[in-house]
N, C-alpha and C. Protein backbone atom coordinates (compact mmCIF):
# COMPACT_ATOMS: atom_id res chain seq x y z
N MET A 1 -85.60 -188.94 60.16
CA MET A 1 -84.28 -189.09 59.59
C MET A 1 -84.32 -188.54 58.17
N SER A 2 -83.41 -187.67 57.83
CA SER A 2 -83.39 -187.16 56.47
C SER A 2 -82.78 -188.22 55.55
N ALA A 3 -83.22 -188.22 54.31
CA ALA A 3 -82.71 -189.21 53.35
C ALA A 3 -81.20 -189.12 53.21
N ALA A 4 -80.66 -187.93 53.21
CA ALA A 4 -79.21 -187.76 53.01
C ALA A 4 -78.40 -188.36 54.16
N HIS A 5 -78.98 -188.40 55.36
CA HIS A 5 -78.24 -188.92 56.50
C HIS A 5 -78.40 -190.42 56.69
N ALA A 6 -79.25 -191.06 55.93
CA ALA A 6 -79.47 -192.49 56.08
C ALA A 6 -78.36 -193.30 55.43
N TYR A 7 -77.57 -192.71 54.59
CA TYR A 7 -76.49 -193.40 53.91
C TYR A 7 -75.18 -192.84 54.45
N HIS A 8 -74.27 -193.74 54.79
CA HIS A 8 -73.10 -193.33 55.54
C HIS A 8 -71.80 -193.27 54.76
N ASP A 9 -71.83 -193.41 53.48
CA ASP A 9 -70.60 -193.36 52.71
C ASP A 9 -70.64 -192.19 51.74
N GLN A 10 -69.64 -192.09 50.87
CA GLN A 10 -69.54 -190.95 49.96
C GLN A 10 -70.69 -190.87 48.98
N ALA A 11 -71.31 -191.99 48.69
CA ALA A 11 -72.40 -192.00 47.72
C ALA A 11 -73.75 -191.69 48.35
N GLY A 12 -73.77 -191.28 49.60
CA GLY A 12 -75.01 -191.07 50.33
C GLY A 12 -76.02 -190.19 49.63
N ASP A 13 -75.61 -189.02 49.18
CA ASP A 13 -76.55 -188.11 48.53
C ASP A 13 -77.10 -188.70 47.24
N VAL A 14 -76.24 -189.37 46.49
CA VAL A 14 -76.67 -189.98 45.23
C VAL A 14 -77.67 -191.10 45.50
N LEU A 15 -77.35 -191.96 46.46
CA LEU A 15 -78.25 -193.07 46.78
C LEU A 15 -79.59 -192.57 47.30
N ALA A 16 -79.58 -191.58 48.15
CA ALA A 16 -80.82 -191.04 48.70
C ALA A 16 -81.69 -190.45 47.59
N ALA A 17 -81.08 -189.70 46.69
CA ALA A 17 -81.84 -189.12 45.58
C ALA A 17 -82.38 -190.21 44.67
N HIS A 18 -81.55 -191.22 44.41
CA HIS A 18 -81.97 -192.32 43.56
C HIS A 18 -83.16 -193.05 44.16
N ALA A 19 -83.11 -193.33 45.45
CA ALA A 19 -84.20 -194.04 46.11
C ALA A 19 -85.47 -193.22 46.12
N ALA A 20 -85.35 -191.90 46.12
CA ALA A 20 -86.53 -191.05 46.18
C ALA A 20 -87.36 -191.09 44.90
N ASP A 21 -86.70 -191.12 43.74
CA ASP A 21 -87.49 -190.96 42.52
C ASP A 21 -87.04 -191.80 41.33
N SER A 22 -86.24 -192.82 41.55
CA SER A 22 -85.84 -193.66 40.42
C SER A 22 -87.06 -194.41 39.89
N PRO A 23 -87.07 -194.74 38.61
CA PRO A 23 -88.22 -195.46 38.07
C PRO A 23 -88.54 -196.75 38.82
N HIS A 24 -87.52 -197.51 39.20
CA HIS A 24 -87.78 -198.75 39.91
C HIS A 24 -88.43 -198.48 41.27
N ASN A 25 -87.84 -197.56 42.03
CA ASN A 25 -88.37 -197.28 43.37
C ASN A 25 -89.73 -196.60 43.31
N ALA A 26 -89.87 -195.59 42.49
CA ALA A 26 -91.10 -194.80 42.47
C ALA A 26 -92.27 -195.51 41.79
N TYR A 27 -91.99 -196.39 40.82
CA TYR A 27 -93.07 -196.99 40.05
C TYR A 27 -93.22 -198.50 40.21
N THR A 28 -92.34 -199.15 40.93
CA THR A 28 -92.44 -200.60 41.10
C THR A 28 -92.34 -200.96 42.57
N ASP A 29 -91.18 -200.81 43.14
CA ASP A 29 -90.91 -201.24 44.50
C ASP A 29 -91.83 -200.57 45.52
N ARG A 30 -91.80 -199.24 45.59
CA ARG A 30 -92.56 -198.53 46.63
C ARG A 30 -94.07 -198.73 46.49
N PRO A 31 -94.67 -198.59 45.29
CA PRO A 31 -96.12 -198.82 45.20
C PRO A 31 -96.51 -200.25 45.60
N ALA A 32 -95.69 -201.23 45.22
CA ALA A 32 -96.02 -202.62 45.55
C ALA A 32 -95.95 -202.86 47.05
N MET A 33 -94.91 -202.35 47.69
CA MET A 33 -94.75 -202.56 49.13
C MET A 33 -95.83 -201.84 49.92
N LEU A 34 -96.17 -200.63 49.52
CA LEU A 34 -97.20 -199.89 50.25
C LEU A 34 -98.57 -200.51 50.05
N THR A 35 -98.82 -201.07 48.87
CA THR A 35 -100.07 -201.80 48.65
C THR A 35 -100.10 -203.05 49.52
N LEU A 36 -98.99 -203.75 49.59
CA LEU A 36 -98.89 -204.95 50.40
C LEU A 36 -99.11 -204.63 51.88
N ALA A 37 -98.62 -203.49 52.34
CA ALA A 37 -98.79 -203.11 53.74
C ALA A 37 -100.26 -202.91 54.09
N GLY A 38 -101.04 -202.46 53.13
CA GLY A 38 -102.47 -202.27 53.38
C GLY A 38 -102.72 -201.10 54.33
N ASP A 39 -103.84 -201.19 55.05
CA ASP A 39 -104.22 -200.15 56.00
C ASP A 39 -103.37 -200.28 57.24
N VAL A 40 -102.53 -199.32 57.50
CA VAL A 40 -101.61 -199.37 58.64
C VAL A 40 -102.01 -198.42 59.76
N ALA A 41 -103.11 -197.71 59.60
CA ALA A 41 -103.53 -196.74 60.62
C ALA A 41 -103.64 -197.43 61.98
N GLY A 42 -102.95 -196.88 62.96
CA GLY A 42 -103.00 -197.41 64.31
C GLY A 42 -102.09 -198.60 64.57
N LEU A 43 -101.35 -199.06 63.57
CA LEU A 43 -100.45 -200.20 63.74
C LEU A 43 -99.03 -199.75 64.08
N ARG A 44 -98.29 -200.63 64.73
CA ARG A 44 -96.86 -200.41 64.95
C ARG A 44 -96.13 -201.16 63.84
N VAL A 45 -95.23 -200.48 63.14
CA VAL A 45 -94.55 -201.04 61.98
C VAL A 45 -93.04 -200.92 62.17
N LEU A 46 -92.32 -201.99 61.85
CA LEU A 46 -90.87 -201.95 61.83
C LEU A 46 -90.43 -201.86 60.37
N ASP A 47 -89.69 -200.83 60.04
CA ASP A 47 -89.12 -200.66 58.71
C ASP A 47 -87.64 -200.99 58.83
N ALA A 48 -87.31 -202.27 58.67
CA ALA A 48 -85.93 -202.73 58.79
C ALA A 48 -85.23 -202.53 57.46
N GLY A 49 -84.08 -201.88 57.49
CA GLY A 49 -83.38 -201.53 56.25
C GLY A 49 -84.03 -200.33 55.61
N CYS A 50 -84.34 -199.32 56.41
CA CYS A 50 -85.16 -198.20 55.96
C CYS A 50 -84.48 -197.26 54.97
N GLY A 51 -83.16 -197.36 54.82
CA GLY A 51 -82.49 -196.46 53.88
C GLY A 51 -82.79 -195.02 54.19
N GLY A 52 -83.29 -194.30 53.21
CA GLY A 52 -83.59 -192.89 53.38
C GLY A 52 -84.88 -192.60 54.10
N GLY A 53 -85.61 -193.61 54.52
CA GLY A 53 -86.84 -193.41 55.27
C GLY A 53 -88.05 -193.10 54.42
N HIS A 54 -87.99 -193.42 53.13
CA HIS A 54 -89.10 -193.10 52.23
C HIS A 54 -90.37 -193.87 52.61
N TYR A 55 -90.24 -195.15 52.92
CA TYR A 55 -91.40 -195.94 53.34
C TYR A 55 -91.89 -195.47 54.70
N ALA A 56 -90.95 -195.26 55.63
CA ALA A 56 -91.32 -194.84 56.98
C ALA A 56 -92.16 -193.57 56.92
N ALA A 57 -91.74 -192.61 56.14
CA ALA A 57 -92.48 -191.35 56.03
C ALA A 57 -93.89 -191.58 55.51
N GLU A 58 -94.01 -192.41 54.49
CA GLU A 58 -95.33 -192.71 53.93
C GLU A 58 -96.21 -193.45 54.93
N LEU A 59 -95.63 -194.40 55.65
CA LEU A 59 -96.40 -195.17 56.63
C LEU A 59 -96.86 -194.29 57.80
N VAL A 60 -96.00 -193.38 58.24
CA VAL A 60 -96.40 -192.43 59.29
C VAL A 60 -97.54 -191.57 58.76
N GLY A 61 -97.43 -191.14 57.53
CA GLY A 61 -98.49 -190.34 56.91
C GLY A 61 -99.81 -191.08 56.81
N ARG A 62 -99.75 -192.40 56.81
CA ARG A 62 -100.96 -193.22 56.75
C ARG A 62 -101.43 -193.64 58.14
N GLY A 63 -100.80 -193.07 59.18
CA GLY A 63 -101.29 -193.30 60.53
C GLY A 63 -100.60 -194.38 61.33
N ALA A 64 -99.49 -194.92 60.85
CA ALA A 64 -98.77 -195.97 61.59
C ALA A 64 -97.77 -195.34 62.55
N GLU A 65 -97.45 -196.08 63.59
CA GLU A 65 -96.33 -195.74 64.46
C GLU A 65 -95.15 -196.55 63.92
N VAL A 66 -94.11 -195.89 63.45
CA VAL A 66 -93.04 -196.57 62.73
C VAL A 66 -91.71 -196.48 63.47
N VAL A 67 -91.04 -197.62 63.57
CA VAL A 67 -89.66 -197.67 64.01
C VAL A 67 -88.85 -198.02 62.76
N ALA A 68 -87.94 -197.13 62.38
CA ALA A 68 -87.16 -197.33 61.16
C ALA A 68 -85.69 -197.49 61.52
N VAL A 69 -85.09 -198.58 61.07
CA VAL A 69 -83.68 -198.84 61.34
C VAL A 69 -82.97 -199.21 60.05
N ASP A 70 -81.69 -198.90 59.99
CA ASP A 70 -80.89 -199.26 58.83
C ASP A 70 -79.48 -199.53 59.29
N GLY A 71 -78.87 -200.54 58.76
CA GLY A 71 -77.48 -200.85 59.08
C GLY A 71 -76.70 -200.98 57.80
N ILE A 72 -76.06 -199.92 57.39
CA ILE A 72 -75.36 -199.90 56.10
C ILE A 72 -74.30 -200.99 56.01
N THR A 73 -73.73 -201.39 57.15
CA THR A 73 -72.69 -202.41 57.09
C THR A 73 -73.26 -203.83 57.11
N MET A 74 -74.55 -203.94 57.36
CA MET A 74 -75.16 -205.26 57.39
C MET A 74 -75.19 -205.85 55.97
N ARG A 75 -74.79 -207.09 55.86
CA ARG A 75 -74.83 -207.78 54.58
C ARG A 75 -75.79 -208.95 54.68
N LEU A 76 -76.77 -208.95 53.83
CA LEU A 76 -77.73 -210.03 53.83
C LEU A 76 -77.37 -211.01 52.73
N GLN A 77 -77.31 -212.25 53.08
CA GLN A 77 -76.99 -213.24 52.06
C GLN A 77 -78.26 -213.61 51.30
N ARG A 78 -78.10 -213.83 50.04
CA ARG A 78 -79.25 -214.23 49.23
C ARG A 78 -79.64 -215.64 49.63
N MET A 79 -80.92 -215.88 49.75
CA MET A 79 -81.39 -217.20 50.11
C MET A 79 -82.53 -217.59 49.18
N THR A 80 -82.78 -218.88 49.11
CA THR A 80 -83.89 -219.31 48.27
C THR A 80 -85.19 -218.88 48.93
N LEU A 81 -86.23 -218.77 48.13
CA LEU A 81 -87.54 -218.41 48.66
C LEU A 81 -88.00 -219.44 49.68
N GLU A 82 -87.75 -220.71 49.40
CA GLU A 82 -88.14 -221.78 50.33
C GLU A 82 -87.46 -221.60 51.68
N SER A 83 -86.16 -221.31 51.70
CA SER A 83 -85.48 -221.15 52.97
C SER A 83 -85.92 -219.88 53.70
N LEU A 84 -86.24 -218.82 52.96
CA LEU A 84 -86.75 -217.60 53.58
C LEU A 84 -88.09 -217.86 54.26
N VAL A 85 -89.00 -218.49 53.54
CA VAL A 85 -90.34 -218.77 54.10
C VAL A 85 -90.21 -219.72 55.29
N THR A 86 -89.38 -220.73 55.17
CA THR A 86 -89.17 -221.66 56.29
C THR A 86 -88.65 -220.93 57.51
N GLU A 87 -87.73 -220.01 57.31
CA GLU A 87 -87.15 -219.26 58.42
C GLU A 87 -88.20 -218.42 59.13
N VAL A 88 -89.04 -217.71 58.39
CA VAL A 88 -90.04 -216.86 59.05
C VAL A 88 -91.14 -217.69 59.70
N LEU A 89 -91.50 -218.82 59.10
CA LEU A 89 -92.50 -219.69 59.71
C LEU A 89 -91.95 -220.32 60.99
N ASP A 90 -90.70 -220.75 60.94
CA ASP A 90 -90.05 -221.32 62.13
C ASP A 90 -89.91 -220.30 63.25
N ALA A 91 -89.87 -219.01 62.90
CA ALA A 91 -89.77 -217.96 63.91
C ALA A 91 -91.14 -217.63 64.52
N GLY A 92 -92.17 -218.32 64.07
CA GLY A 92 -93.48 -218.14 64.66
C GLY A 92 -94.42 -217.21 63.92
N PHE A 93 -94.02 -216.75 62.75
CA PHE A 93 -94.89 -215.87 61.97
C PHE A 93 -95.86 -216.70 61.14
N VAL A 94 -96.97 -216.07 60.79
CA VAL A 94 -97.93 -216.65 59.84
C VAL A 94 -97.78 -215.84 58.55
N LEU A 95 -97.62 -216.55 57.45
CA LEU A 95 -97.50 -215.90 56.15
C LEU A 95 -98.90 -215.57 55.66
N GLU A 96 -99.22 -214.27 55.59
CA GLU A 96 -100.52 -213.85 55.11
C GLU A 96 -100.55 -213.72 53.60
N ARG A 97 -99.43 -213.26 53.03
CA ARG A 97 -99.43 -213.01 51.60
C ARG A 97 -98.00 -212.98 51.09
N LEU A 98 -97.78 -213.52 49.92
CA LEU A 98 -96.49 -213.48 49.26
C LEU A 98 -96.76 -212.99 47.84
N VAL A 99 -96.06 -211.94 47.44
CA VAL A 99 -96.27 -211.40 46.09
C VAL A 99 -94.94 -211.17 45.40
N GLU A 100 -94.99 -211.26 44.11
CA GLU A 100 -93.85 -210.91 43.26
C GLU A 100 -94.30 -209.66 42.50
N PRO A 101 -94.04 -208.48 43.08
CA PRO A 101 -94.58 -207.24 42.51
C PRO A 101 -94.13 -207.00 41.07
N ARG A 102 -95.02 -206.40 40.33
CA ARG A 102 -94.75 -206.00 38.95
C ARG A 102 -94.76 -204.48 38.87
N ALA A 103 -94.15 -203.96 37.85
CA ALA A 103 -94.14 -202.50 37.65
C ALA A 103 -95.56 -202.00 37.46
N VAL A 104 -95.84 -200.81 38.01
CA VAL A 104 -97.15 -200.21 37.81
C VAL A 104 -97.22 -199.61 36.41
N GLU A 105 -98.41 -199.54 35.88
CA GLU A 105 -98.63 -199.12 34.49
C GLU A 105 -98.05 -197.73 34.20
N THR A 106 -98.04 -196.84 35.16
CA THR A 106 -97.52 -195.49 34.90
C THR A 106 -96.04 -195.47 34.54
N LEU A 107 -95.29 -196.51 34.90
CA LEU A 107 -93.88 -196.57 34.52
C LEU A 107 -93.73 -196.71 33.00
N ARG A 108 -94.70 -197.31 32.33
CA ARG A 108 -94.61 -197.50 30.88
C ARG A 108 -94.37 -196.17 30.16
N ALA A 109 -95.06 -195.11 30.60
CA ALA A 109 -94.90 -193.79 29.97
C ALA A 109 -93.57 -193.14 30.34
N VAL A 110 -93.07 -193.42 31.53
CA VAL A 110 -91.83 -192.81 32.01
C VAL A 110 -90.61 -193.50 31.43
N ASP A 111 -90.62 -194.83 31.43
CA ASP A 111 -89.47 -195.62 30.99
C ASP A 111 -89.96 -196.95 30.43
N PRO A 112 -90.38 -196.97 29.16
CA PRO A 112 -90.98 -198.18 28.58
C PRO A 112 -90.07 -199.41 28.62
N GLU A 113 -88.78 -199.21 28.40
CA GLU A 113 -87.86 -200.35 28.41
C GLU A 113 -87.78 -200.98 29.80
N ARG A 114 -87.65 -200.14 30.80
CA ARG A 114 -87.59 -200.66 32.17
C ARG A 114 -88.91 -201.31 32.56
N TYR A 115 -90.03 -200.73 32.12
CA TYR A 115 -91.34 -201.31 32.40
C TYR A 115 -91.41 -202.74 31.86
N GLU A 116 -91.00 -202.93 30.63
CA GLU A 116 -91.04 -204.27 30.03
C GLU A 116 -90.13 -205.23 30.78
N ARG A 117 -88.92 -204.78 31.11
CA ARG A 117 -87.97 -205.64 31.83
C ARG A 117 -88.52 -206.05 33.19
N LEU A 118 -89.04 -205.08 33.94
CA LEU A 118 -89.54 -205.39 35.28
C LEU A 118 -90.84 -206.19 35.24
N THR A 119 -91.59 -206.06 34.17
CA THR A 119 -92.82 -206.84 34.04
C THR A 119 -92.47 -208.30 33.73
N GLU A 120 -91.44 -208.50 32.92
CA GLU A 120 -91.02 -209.85 32.56
C GLU A 120 -90.22 -210.53 33.66
N ARG A 121 -89.37 -209.76 34.36
CA ARG A 121 -88.48 -210.33 35.39
C ARG A 121 -88.50 -209.46 36.64
N PRO A 122 -89.48 -209.66 37.50
CA PRO A 122 -89.51 -208.86 38.74
C PRO A 122 -88.23 -209.08 39.53
N SER A 123 -87.86 -208.07 40.31
CA SER A 123 -86.57 -208.12 40.99
C SER A 123 -86.65 -208.46 42.47
N PHE A 124 -87.84 -208.67 43.02
CA PHE A 124 -87.93 -209.00 44.43
C PHE A 124 -89.27 -209.64 44.74
N VAL A 125 -89.36 -210.24 45.90
CA VAL A 125 -90.64 -210.72 46.41
C VAL A 125 -90.92 -209.98 47.71
N ALA A 126 -92.17 -209.90 48.06
CA ALA A 126 -92.56 -209.23 49.31
C ALA A 126 -93.44 -210.17 50.11
N LEU A 127 -93.21 -210.18 51.41
CA LEU A 127 -93.97 -211.03 52.31
C LEU A 127 -94.77 -210.14 53.27
N ARG A 128 -96.01 -210.53 53.52
CA ARG A 128 -96.77 -209.90 54.59
C ARG A 128 -96.93 -210.96 55.66
N LEU A 129 -96.40 -210.67 56.85
CA LEU A 129 -96.38 -211.63 57.95
C LEU A 129 -97.16 -211.08 59.13
N ARG A 130 -97.61 -211.97 59.99
CA ARG A 130 -98.23 -211.54 61.24
C ARG A 130 -97.89 -212.58 62.30
N ARG A 131 -98.00 -212.15 63.53
CA ARG A 131 -97.86 -213.07 64.66
C ARG A 131 -99.22 -213.68 64.93
N PRO A 132 -99.25 -214.97 65.25
CA PRO A 132 -100.56 -215.60 65.54
C PRO A 132 -101.16 -215.04 66.83
């Protein structure tokens, strides 16, 4: 899937370009998530909410079989971390790791202000889950 076709509204090209190389995506979000994924060679991976397919492409390049889906009209409600963890545990998953990713050091040279902000107040958590 091309990045431009993953977004279905007028802002599609802008969003796809932003996701490809914005300081947050390129230096915080994507490195943290790919580190969290670990060695994916030979694994089947679901990339839910794949957007432009940036993660899917990287995971395929690392040897994973990837199914990437995105639903632009889907709205996810914000939930507390406790309710999120409870929901995935109740669904039968085992929580292997929970991280609150921080900006990687290389962002400091690219955008020092954003680096400081993201280091002080991370914007997401990431879960690594497995089936027992």
